Amino acid sequence: MSNVSALPHVATRMTFNALAATALLGVASMSHAAIFKNNLPTDPDAVLSVGVNVMAVNPAYDMEDSTDIRVLPGVFYDNNRVYARGAQAGAYLINDGTNQLSAYAQLSGSEFDPDDARGALQGLDERKASAAAGLTYLRRTPVGGFRAQIATDVLDRSGGNTARLTYLARITQGKLTVYPSAGFEYHDADYNEYYYGVSEEESAKTGIAAYKSNSSLNPYINISANYDFNERWAGFANQSLSYLPNEQKDSPMVNSRTESTTTLGLLYKF
């Protein structure tokens, strides 16, 4: 027998994906129109930076080891047409120096490995990170930048959708550049259900209470810094902190109200 209760969620997901695809195609075609003829020219001197990042992730999940160490490659590049920033890559649809609209893809979601969890949580299913794709708009002003993003899970791990509103600033002192930012991130019910929900089947198997999550709004802060040692080498650091609202914190998988990531990296500029 089919699961009729799941049909509204499937329909909502399909509708969102269709609308996102339609919007992306529409904006891409509009970017070639005369109204956007003032886009910045391609920068032939754009610098490609490639390096390695060491990340210390402190998840909100109830794990045996509170810190997960990961080593990932890092790529930074921006020629006013395409860009790469760490785990995100995209193409500008509008980029006139004040307004930036781009289509992008990036790593998304959390990771829950039951082998590293505490007690009965080891009987739960694994939750995997995914990839998200969407649109992002940045408006530069004299007091900083304001960015809005919307994305969907393209690997269908959670099938969920996310959105972000962010304020960004830039502070430069000699060879050091600092980028503080703060904002809110929205996770829909499908996203939270995959990463924080506990199904009836998992509950029956482990004895952990079943949990169904709703959508949430997470405040977060982030600060990153780049230091140029010389013309070829640069150091990179980033610290992020996110606050979990009750829709996520009340999950039996979670034992912390916050999760954070500390990143240190070394970049070589070609």
Protein backbone atom coordinates (compact mmCIF):
# COMPACT_ATOMS: atom_id res chain seq x y z
CA MET A 1 0.00 0.00 0.00
CA SER A 2 1.33 3.46 -0.86
CA ASN A 3 2.17 5.98 1.84
CA VAL A 4 -0.47 8.65 1.21
CA SER A 5 0.82 10.86 4.05
CA ALA A 6 4.13 11.26 2.23
CA LEU A 7 2.53 12.61 -0.94
CA PRO A 8 2.31 16.28 0.20
CA HIS A 9 6.03 16.28 1.05
CA VAL A 10 6.94 14.74 -2.31
CA ALA A 11 4.72 17.22 -4.14
CA THR A 12 6.24 20.14 -2.24
CA ARG A 13 9.76 18.96 -3.03
CA MET A 14 8.98 18.49 -6.71
CA THR A 15 7.32 21.91 -6.86
CA PHE A 16 10.31 23.59 -5.21
CA ASN A 17 12.79 21.86 -7.53
CA ALA A 18 10.71 22.80 -10.59
CA LEU A 19 10.44 26.42 -9.48
CA ALA A 20 14.17 26.60 -8.74
CA ALA A 21 15.03 25.18 -12.15
CA THR A 22 12.62 27.55 -13.87
CA ALA A 23 14.02 30.56 -11.99
CA LEU A 24 17.60 29.54 -12.79
CA LEU A 25 16.89 29.16 -16.50
CA GLY A 26 14.95 32.42 -16.57
CA VAL A 27 17.65 34.43 -14.83
CA ALA A 28 20.38 32.83 -16.95
CA SER A 29 18.61 33.89 -20.14
CA MET A 30 17.91 37.37 -18.76
CA SER A 31 21.59 37.86 -17.92
CA HIS A 32 22.32 38.09 -21.62
CA ALA A 33 19.81 40.87 -22.13
CA ALA A 34 20.81 44.50 -22.54
CA ILE A 35 19.69 45.38 -19.02
CA PHE A 36 22.70 43.46 -17.68
CA LYS A 37 25.24 44.79 -20.16
CA ASN A 38 27.12 46.57 -17.36
CA ASN A 39 28.50 43.37 -15.85
CA LEU A 40 32.19 43.49 -14.94
CA PRO A 41 34.55 42.18 -17.62
CA THR A 42 36.33 38.88 -17.15
CA ASP A 43 39.48 39.41 -15.08
CA PRO A 44 42.44 37.95 -17.02
CA ASP A 45 44.67 38.36 -13.95
CA ALA A 46 42.48 36.41 -11.56
CA VAL A 47 44.59 34.36 -9.14
CA LEU A 48 44.03 30.64 -8.58
CA SER A 49 44.81 29.53 -5.02
CA VAL A 50 44.99 25.83 -4.17
CA GLY A 51 45.74 24.33 -0.79
CA VAL A 52 44.72 22.05 2.03
CA ASN A 53 42.40 22.71 4.97
CA VAL A 54 42.36 20.98 8.35
CA MET A 55 38.91 21.16 9.95
CA ALA A 56 37.97 20.49 13.58
CA VAL A 57 34.21 19.87 13.63
CA ASN A 58 32.31 19.89 16.93
CA PRO A 59 28.88 18.50 16.01
CA ALA A 60 25.77 18.80 18.11
CA TYR A 61 25.24 15.03 17.91
CA ASP A 62 25.87 12.89 21.01
CA MET A 63 29.18 11.34 19.98
CA GLU A 64 31.95 9.50 21.85
CA ASP A 65 34.53 11.98 20.54
CA SER A 66 33.26 15.55 20.58
CA THR A 67 35.71 16.68 17.86
CA ASP A 68 35.95 15.26 14.35
CA ILE A 69 39.15 16.09 12.44
CA ARG A 70 38.91 16.28 8.64
CA VAL A 71 41.44 17.17 5.94
CA LEU A 72 40.02 18.64 2.73
CA PRO A 73 41.41 20.40 -0.34
CA GLY A 74 40.71 24.10 -0.78
CA VAL A 75 40.34 26.10 -3.98
CA PHE A 76 39.83 29.86 -4.33
CA TYR A 77 39.32 31.65 -7.66
CA ASP A 78 37.18 34.51 -8.99
CA ASN A 79 37.43 36.05 -12.48
CA ASN A 80 34.07 37.91 -12.36
CA ARG A 81 32.43 35.10 -14.39
CA VAL A 82 33.02 31.95 -12.34
CA TYR A 83 34.29 31.41 -8.81
CA ALA A 84 35.39 28.80 -6.31
CA ARG A 85 35.48 29.44 -2.57
CA GLY A 86 36.44 26.43 -0.55
CA ALA A 87 33.54 23.98 -0.76
CA GLN A 88 31.40 26.24 -2.99
CA ALA A 89 31.64 26.85 -6.74
CA GLY A 90 29.41 28.97 -8.93
CA ALA A 91 28.86 31.11 -12.01
CA TYR A 92 27.73 34.74 -11.99
CA LEU A 93 24.50 35.58 -13.77
CA ILE A 94 24.75 39.24 -12.73
CA ASN A 95 27.96 40.88 -11.49
CA ASP A 96 28.11 44.65 -11.90
CA GLY A 97 30.27 45.40 -8.87
CA THR A 98 27.31 46.24 -6.65
CA ASN A 99 24.91 43.38 -7.36
CA GLN A 100 25.90 39.74 -7.68
CA LEU A 101 23.47 36.98 -8.62
CA SER A 102 24.96 33.54 -9.12
CA ALA A 103 24.06 29.89 -9.46
CA TYR A 104 26.13 27.72 -7.15
CA ALA A 105 26.74 24.24 -5.77
CA GLN A 106 28.37 23.29 -2.50
CA LEU A 107 28.74 20.61 0.15
CA SER A 108 25.77 20.61 2.53
CA GLY A 109 24.36 18.89 5.56
CA SER A 110 25.79 17.13 8.58
CA GLU A 111 27.38 13.72 9.05
CA PHE A 112 26.24 11.19 11.66
CA ASP A 113 28.27 7.98 11.91
CA PRO A 114 26.52 5.60 14.32
CA ASP A 115 29.83 3.79 14.98
CA ASP A 116 31.06 6.96 16.72
CA ALA A 117 27.85 7.62 18.65
CA ARG A 118 27.10 6.94 22.30
CA GLY A 119 25.06 4.03 23.66
CA ALA A 120 21.87 3.09 21.86
CA LEU A 121 22.49 5.76 19.22
CA GLN A 122 24.87 3.28 17.60
CA GLY A 123 21.82 1.40 16.35
CA LEU A 124 20.54 4.36 14.30
CA ASP A 125 20.98 4.71 10.55
CA GLU A 126 23.85 6.76 9.14
CA ARG A 127 23.19 10.35 8.06
CA LYS A 128 25.39 11.50 5.20
CA ALA A 129 26.47 14.92 4.01
CA SER A 130 25.10 15.92 0.63
CA ALA A 131 25.45 18.49 -2.14
CA ALA A 132 23.17 21.50 -2.53
CA ALA A 133 22.59 23.72 -5.54
CA GLY A 134 20.75 27.01 -5.74
CA LEU A 135 20.87 30.76 -6.23
CA THR A 136 22.62 33.44 -4.18
CA TYR A 137 22.24 37.22 -4.36
CA LEU A 138 24.69 39.68 -2.82
CA ARG A 139 24.16 43.43 -2.53
CA ARG A 140 27.20 45.52 -1.64
CA THR A 141 26.60 48.72 0.34
CA PRO A 142 28.83 51.27 2.13
CA VAL A 143 28.13 49.49 5.43
CA GLY A 144 28.79 45.95 4.22
CA GLY A 145 27.23 43.22 2.13
CA PHE A 146 23.79 41.62 2.43
CA ARG A 147 23.36 38.14 0.95
CA ALA A 148 20.33 35.92 0.40
CA GLN A 149 20.63 32.26 -0.62
CA ILE A 150 18.26 29.43 -1.39
CA ALA A 151 19.28 25.85 -2.19
CA THR A 152 17.97 22.32 -2.49
CA ASP A 153 19.54 18.90 -1.85
CA VAL A 154 20.48 17.67 -5.34
CA LEU A 155 21.63 14.22 -4.14
CA ASP A 156 18.28 13.67 -2.40
CA ARG A 157 19.84 12.52 0.85
CA SER A 158 17.33 14.55 2.84
CA GLY A 159 15.41 15.99 -0.11
CA GLY A 160 15.37 19.17 1.92
CA ASN A 161 15.66 22.86 1.16
CA THR A 162 17.66 25.55 2.93
CA ALA A 163 17.87 29.34 2.84
CA ARG A 164 20.22 31.91 4.34
CA LEU A 165 20.23 35.63 5.12
CA THR A 166 23.66 37.02 5.94
CA TYR A 167 25.38 40.29 6.73
CA LEU A 168 29.05 40.38 5.69
CA ALA A 169 31.87 42.84 6.36
CA ARG A 170 35.49 43.11 5.25
CA ILE A 171 38.39 44.52 7.29
CA THR A 172 41.85 44.86 5.72
CA GLN A 173 45.04 45.70 7.61
CA GLY A 174 48.20 45.28 5.59
CA LYS A 175 48.56 41.64 4.56
CA LEU A 176 45.66 40.54 6.77
CA THR A 177 42.03 40.54 5.62
CA VAL A 178 39.21 39.57 8.00
CA TYR A 179 35.64 38.72 6.96
CA PRO A 180 33.11 38.67 9.83
CA SER A 181 29.52 37.65 9.07
CA ALA A 182 26.30 36.79 10.89
CA GLY A 183 22.82 35.72 9.92
CA PHE A 184 20.08 33.10 9.98
CA GLU A 185 19.78 29.79 8.19
CA TYR A 186 16.41 28.15 7.48
CA HIS A 187 16.08 24.35 7.29
CA ASP A 188 12.80 22.87 6.12
CA ALA A 189 11.09 19.86 7.74
CA ASP A 190 12.54 17.34 5.25
CA TYR A 191 16.10 18.49 6.00
CA ASN A 192 15.59 18.33 9.78
CA GLU A 193 13.73 15.03 9.62
CA TYR A 194 16.67 13.35 7.87
CA TYR A 195 19.43 14.79 10.07
CA TYR A 196 17.63 14.95 13.42
CA GLY A 197 14.53 12.76 13.22
CA VAL A 198 14.26 9.23 14.62
CA SER A 199 11.93 6.93 12.70
CA GLU A 200 9.52 4.42 14.24
CA GLU A 201 11.66 1.62 12.79
CA GLU A 202 14.81 3.01 14.44
CA SER A 203 12.92 3.47 17.69
CA ALA A 204 11.72 -0.14 17.71
CA LYS A 205 15.26 -1.38 17.00
CA THR A 206 17.12 0.76 19.55
CA GLY A 207 14.60 1.70 22.22
CA ILE A 208 15.25 5.40 21.53
CA ALA A 209 12.09 7.50 21.45
CA ALA A 210 10.85 8.30 17.95
CA TYR A 211 11.22 11.95 17.02
CA LYS A 212 9.75 13.98 14.18
CA SER A 213 11.24 17.40 13.52
CA ASN A 214 9.73 20.52 11.98
CA SER A 215 11.39 23.36 10.06
CA SER A 216 13.81 25.59 11.97
CA LEU A 217 15.62 28.93 11.91
CA ASN A 218 19.24 28.78 13.10
CA PRO A 219 21.20 31.94 13.99
CA TYR A 220 24.91 31.72 13.25
CA ILE A 221 28.11 33.74 13.24
CA ASN A 222 31.25 33.24 11.20
CA ILE A 223 34.65 34.88 10.95
CA SER A 224 37.33 34.06 8.41
CA ALA A 225 40.76 35.56 7.79
CA ASN A 226 43.37 35.45 5.07
CA TYR A 227 47.03 36.40 5.55
CA ASP A 228 49.46 36.79 2.63
CA PHE A 229 52.89 35.57 3.69
CA ASN A 230 54.32 36.52 0.29
CA GLU A 231 53.31 36.56 -3.38
CA ARG A 232 52.84 32.78 -3.50
CA TRP A 233 51.80 31.59 -0.04
CA ALA A 234 48.85 32.56 2.13
CA GLY A 235 47.30 31.28 5.33
CA PHE A 236 43.56 30.85 5.84
CA ALA A 237 41.50 30.49 9.02
CA ASN A 238 37.78 30.22 9.68
CA GLN A 239 35.60 29.87 12.77
CA SER A 240 31.86 29.22 12.56
CA LEU A 241 29.28 28.77 15.32
CA SER A 242 25.62 27.81 14.86
CA TYR A 243 22.85 27.77 17.49
CA LEU A 244 20.37 24.90 17.40
CA PRO A 245 16.71 25.81 17.99
CA ASN A 246 14.36 23.38 19.77
CA GLU A 247 13.33 21.65 16.54
CA GLN A 248 16.87 20.23 16.36
CA LYS A 249 18.00 20.35 20.00
CA ASP A 250 15.04 18.23 21.21
CA SER A 251 16.16 15.32 19.03
CA PRO A 252 17.46 12.35 21.09
CA MET A 253 20.45 12.34 18.71
CA VAL A 254 21.61 15.73 20.03
CA ASN A 255 23.35 16.70 23.26
CA SER A 256 24.52 20.26 22.52
CA ARG A 257 22.78 23.52 21.77
CA THR A 258 25.64 24.64 19.48
CA GLU A 259 27.87 23.21 16.79
CA SER A 260 31.08 24.73 15.53
CA THR A 261 33.81 24.26 12.94
CA THR A 262 37.37 25.53 13.13
CA THR A 263 39.41 25.54 9.91
CA LEU A 264 43.08 26.22 9.29
CA GLY A 265 44.50 26.17 5.78
CA LEU A 266 47.56 26.87 3.68
CA LEU A 267 47.15 28.17 0.12
CA TYR A 268 49.53 28.38 -2.83
CA LYS A 269 48.79 31.07 -5.43
CA PHE A 270 49.56 30.33 -9.08
